[in-house]
């Protein structure tokens, strides 16, 4: 199941969790997110956000992404993604 946070703005938009990526330098994993804008059926990807490479596995990066989505849903902002969240 895809998890989305919908944003109340003039142009409809949503943020969703994307596939984590692994760093070539420290081999840790980053949580990734995508921001989509537009009406359903005509959406376009507006941005991709990636945390620092902080997590030892892809699974831990996904768990962190869910925690970040909780914060985004609650506060309207992501947590500091330069440190473990």
Protein backbone atom coordinates (compact mmCIF):
# COMPACT_ATOMS: atom_id res chain seq x y z
CA UNK A 1 0.00 0.00 0.00
CA UNK A 2 1.35 3.42 -0.96
CA UNK A 3 1.38 5.98 1.81
CA UNK A 4 0.54 9.58 0.89
CA UNK A 5 0.27 12.83 2.80
CA UNK A 6 -2.04 15.23 0.96
CA UNK A 7 -1.33 18.94 1.24
CA UNK A 8 -4.06 21.57 1.47
CA UNK A 9 -2.90 24.11 -1.10
CA UNK A 10 -4.39 25.90 -4.11
CA UNK A 11 -2.84 23.28 -6.41
CA UNK A 12 -3.48 19.74 -5.16
CA UNK A 13 -0.31 17.99 -4.09
CA UNK A 14 0.85 14.98 -2.15
CA UNK A 15 4.05 13.52 -0.76
CA UNK A 16 4.75 9.80 -0.89
CA UNK A 17 7.56 7.46 0.13
CA UNK A 18 9.93 6.49 -2.68
CA UNK A 19 12.41 3.62 -2.89
CA UNK A 20 15.39 4.08 -0.54
CA UNK A 21 18.82 4.57 -2.12
CA UNK A 22 22.22 3.34 -0.98
CA UNK A 23 25.23 5.64 -0.79
CA UNK A 24 28.33 4.72 -2.77
CA UNK A 25 30.56 6.41 -0.18
CA UNK A 26 29.43 4.99 3.17
CA UNK A 27 27.10 2.20 1.89
CA UNK A 28 24.30 3.34 4.21
CA UNK A 29 20.74 3.91 3.05
CA UNK A 30 18.72 7.11 2.63
CA UNK A 31 14.97 7.52 3.00
CA UNK A 32 13.43 9.05 -0.13
CA UNK A 33 10.23 10.90 -0.85
CA UNK A 34 8.48 12.32 -3.92
CA UNK A 35 6.20 15.35 -4.16
CA UNK A 36 3.50 15.17 -6.83
CA UNK A 37 1.32 18.11 -7.91
CA UNK A 38 -1.79 18.42 -10.03
CA UNK A 39 -5.18 16.84 -10.36
CA UNK A 40 -5.48 13.06 -10.14
CA UNK A 41 -4.73 11.58 -13.54
CA UNK A 42 -2.66 14.62 -14.56
CA UNK A 43 -0.10 14.65 -11.74
CA UNK A 44 3.54 15.52 -12.32
CA UNK A 45 6.52 14.83 -10.09
CA UNK A 46 7.61 18.19 -8.68
CA UNK A 47 10.42 17.16 -6.34
CA UNK A 48 12.36 14.28 -4.87
CA UNK A 49 13.65 14.61 -1.30
CA UNK A 50 16.34 12.36 0.15
CA UNK A 51 17.67 12.10 3.69
CA UNK A 52 21.33 11.83 4.48
CA UNK A 53 22.65 8.24 4.16
CA UNK A 54 22.06 7.26 7.79
CA UNK A 55 20.53 3.80 7.89
CA UNK A 56 22.25 0.41 7.93
CA UNK A 57 19.64 -1.33 5.77
CA UNK A 58 16.94 -0.63 3.24
CA UNK A 59 14.35 -1.82 5.77
CA UNK A 60 15.57 0.66 8.41
CA UNK A 61 15.41 3.46 5.82
CA UNK A 62 11.78 2.52 5.06
CA UNK A 63 10.90 2.49 8.76
CA UNK A 64 12.46 5.94 9.10
CA UNK A 65 10.50 7.14 6.05
CA UNK A 66 7.27 6.12 7.78
CA UNK A 67 8.32 8.02 10.91
CA UNK A 68 9.11 11.07 8.78
CA UNK A 69 5.68 10.84 7.14
CA UNK A 70 4.11 10.78 10.63
CA UNK A 71 5.93 14.03 11.44
CA UNK A 72 5.00 15.57 8.07
CA UNK A 73 1.36 14.66 8.58
CA UNK A 74 1.33 16.07 12.10
CA UNK A 75 3.39 19.26 11.62
CA UNK A 76 3.45 19.96 7.89
CA UNK A 77 7.26 19.66 7.88
CA UNK A 78 9.78 16.86 7.63
CA UNK A 79 12.07 16.15 10.60
CA UNK A 80 15.75 17.10 10.29
CA UNK A 81 16.86 14.51 7.77
CA UNK A 82 20.59 15.19 8.30
CA UNK A 83 20.48 13.10 11.48
CA UNK A 84 18.70 9.87 12.39
CA UNK A 85 15.00 10.48 12.86
